[in-house]
C-alpha atoms as a PDB file:
ATOM      1  CA  MET A   1      -7.589 -14.466 -21.784  1.00  0.00           C
ATOM      2  CA  LYS A   2     -10.410 -14.049 -24.350  1.00  0.00           C
ATOM      3  CA  ILE A   3     -13.721 -12.578 -23.187  1.00  0.00           C
ATOM      4  CA  THR A   4     -15.565 -15.952 -23.896  1.00  0.00           C
ATOM      5  CA  GLU A   5     -13.005 -17.765 -21.656  1.00  0.00           C
ATOM      6  CA  ILE A   6     -13.355 -15.079 -18.887  1.00  0.00           C
ATOM      7  CA  THR A   7     -17.036 -15.387 -19.003  1.00  0.00           C
ATOM      8  CA  ARG A   8     -17.035 -19.114 -18.746  1.00  0.00           C
ATOM      9  CA  LEU A   9     -14.613 -18.914 -15.734  1.00  0.00           C
ATOM     10  CA  GLN A  10     -16.682 -16.272 -14.067  1.00  0.00           C
ATOM     11  CA  ALA A  11     -19.866 -18.323 -14.436  1.00  0.00           C
ATOM     12  CA  TYR A  12     -18.198 -21.382 -12.850  1.00  0.00           C
ATOM     13  CA  LEU A  13     -16.865 -19.472 -10.049  1.00  0.00           C
ATOM     14  CA  GLN A  14     -20.098 -17.808  -9.257  1.00  0.00           C
ATOM     15  CA  ASP A  15     -21.871 -21.131  -9.373  1.00  0.00           C
ATOM     16  CA  LYS A  16     -19.202 -22.950  -7.322  1.00  0.00           C
ATOM     17  CA  PHE A  17     -19.070 -20.275  -4.645  1.00  0.00           C
ATOM     18  CA  GLU A  18     -22.925 -19.379  -4.911  1.00  0.00           C
ATOM     19  CA  ASN A  19     -22.073 -15.801  -5.273  1.00  0.00           C
ATOM     20  CA  ASP A  20     -23.147 -13.656  -8.216  1.00  0.00           C
ATOM     21  CA  SER A  21     -21.039 -10.817  -7.005  1.00  0.00           C
ATOM     22  CA  ILE A  22     -17.851 -12.342  -8.239  1.00  0.00           C
ATOM     23  CA  LYS A  23     -16.427 -10.645 -11.187  1.00  0.00           C
ATOM     24  CA  LEU A  24     -13.324 -11.212 -13.397  1.00  0.00           C
ATOM     25  CA  MET A  25     -11.774  -8.206 -15.105  1.00  0.00           C
ATOM     26  CA  GLN A  26      -9.074  -8.102 -17.558  1.00  0.00           C
ATOM     27  CA  ARG A  27      -5.804  -6.723 -16.355  1.00  0.00           C
ATOM     28  CA  PRO A  28      -3.755  -4.156 -18.326  1.00  0.00           C
ATOM     29  CA  ASN A  29      -0.889  -5.756 -20.032  1.00  0.00           C
ATOM     30  CA  ALA A  30      -1.617  -9.287 -18.963  1.00  0.00           C
ATOM     31  CA  THR A  31      -2.999 -11.819 -21.262  1.00  0.00           C
ATOM     32  CA  ASP A  32      -2.743 -14.893 -18.988  1.00  0.00           C
ATOM     33  CA  SER A  33      -4.634 -13.783 -16.094  1.00  0.00           C
ATOM     34  CA  VAL A  34      -7.644 -11.749 -14.736  1.00  0.00           C
ATOM     35  CA  GLU A  35      -8.394  -9.951 -11.548  1.00  0.00           C
ATOM     36  CA  MET A  36     -11.099 -11.473  -9.286  1.00  0.00           C
ATOM     37  CA  MET A  37     -13.326  -8.960  -7.555  1.00  0.00           C
ATOM     38  CA  ILE A  38     -16.184  -9.406  -5.180  1.00  0.00           C
ATOM     39  CA  GLY A  39     -18.370  -6.452  -5.487  1.00  0.00           C
ATOM     40  CA  ASP A  40     -15.805  -3.666  -5.335  1.00  0.00           C
ATOM     41  CA  GLU A  41     -13.149  -5.462  -3.400  1.00  0.00           C
ATOM     42  CA  PHE A  42     -10.112  -6.985  -5.101  1.00  0.00           C
ATOM     43  CA  ILE A  43      -9.802 -10.642  -3.911  1.00  0.00           C
ATOM     44  CA  GLY A  44      -7.031 -12.100  -6.056  1.00  0.00           C
ATOM     45  CA  VAL A  45      -6.019 -13.180  -9.533  1.00  0.00           C
ATOM     46  CA  ALA A  46      -7.101 -15.958 -11.674  1.00  0.00           C
ATOM     47  CA  TYR A  47      -4.338 -17.382 -13.848  1.00  0.00           C
ATOM     48  CA  ARG A  48      -4.568 -19.378 -17.115  1.00  0.00           C
ATOM     49  CA  ASP A  49      -2.136 -22.327 -17.510  1.00  0.00           C
ATOM     50  CA  GLU A  50      -1.742 -24.317 -20.706  1.00  0.00           C
ATOM     51  CA  ASP A  51       0.977 -27.118 -20.344  1.00  0.00           C
ATOM     52  CA  GLU A  52       1.274 -29.935 -22.801  1.00  0.00           C
ATOM     53  CA  GLY A  53      -2.139 -29.413 -24.173  1.00  0.00           C
ATOM     54  CA  GLU A  54      -3.814 -29.343 -20.797  1.00  0.00           C
ATOM     55  CA  LEU A  55      -5.641 -26.113 -19.934  1.00  0.00           C
ATOM     56  CA  SER A  56      -6.221 -25.199 -16.288  1.00  0.00           C
ATOM     57  CA  TYR A  57      -6.927 -22.194 -14.157  1.00  0.00           C
ATOM     58  CA  SER A  58      -5.532 -21.383 -10.661  1.00  0.00           C
ATOM     59  CA  LEU A  59      -6.536 -18.742  -8.291  1.00  0.00           C
ATOM     60  CA  SER A  60      -4.184 -16.770  -6.106  1.00  0.00           C
ATOM     61  CA  ILE A  61      -6.145 -14.994  -3.270  1.00  0.00           C
ATOM     62  CA  CYS A  62      -4.548 -12.613  -0.708  1.00  0.00           C
ATOM     63  CA  VAL A  63      -5.976 -12.135   2.745  1.00  0.00           C
ATOM     64  CA  LEU A  64      -4.390  -9.429   4.841  1.00  0.00           C
ATOM     65  CA  ALA A  65      -4.043 -10.139   8.618  1.00  0.00           C
ATOM     66  CA  GLU A  66      -5.612  -6.805   9.340  1.00  0.00           C
ATOM     67  CA  ASP A  67      -8.731  -8.050   7.383  1.00  0.00           C
ATOM     68  CA  LEU A  68      -9.153 -11.090   9.741  1.00  0.00           C
ATOM     69  CA  PRO A  69     -11.617 -10.917  12.723  1.00  0.00           C
ATOM     70  CA  LEU A  70     -10.266 -10.455  16.131  1.00  0.00           C
ATOM     71  CA  ASP A  71      -9.900 -13.334  18.478  1.00  0.00           C
END
């Protein structure tokens, strides 16, 4: 993903989730995805998908069971 594309997607996510701490960072050896961070914490990966001329992005967020609040 190009820097301009990453910047636009990051601004969208910050606005949508009302959180300026969301940062997208390039991944070594990956051109179709970026890491999504909130502050210093890894949250997931944002993937770029281009199919039949249509461009979209998807988020894959991982939540560990140990990070969930107790009942």
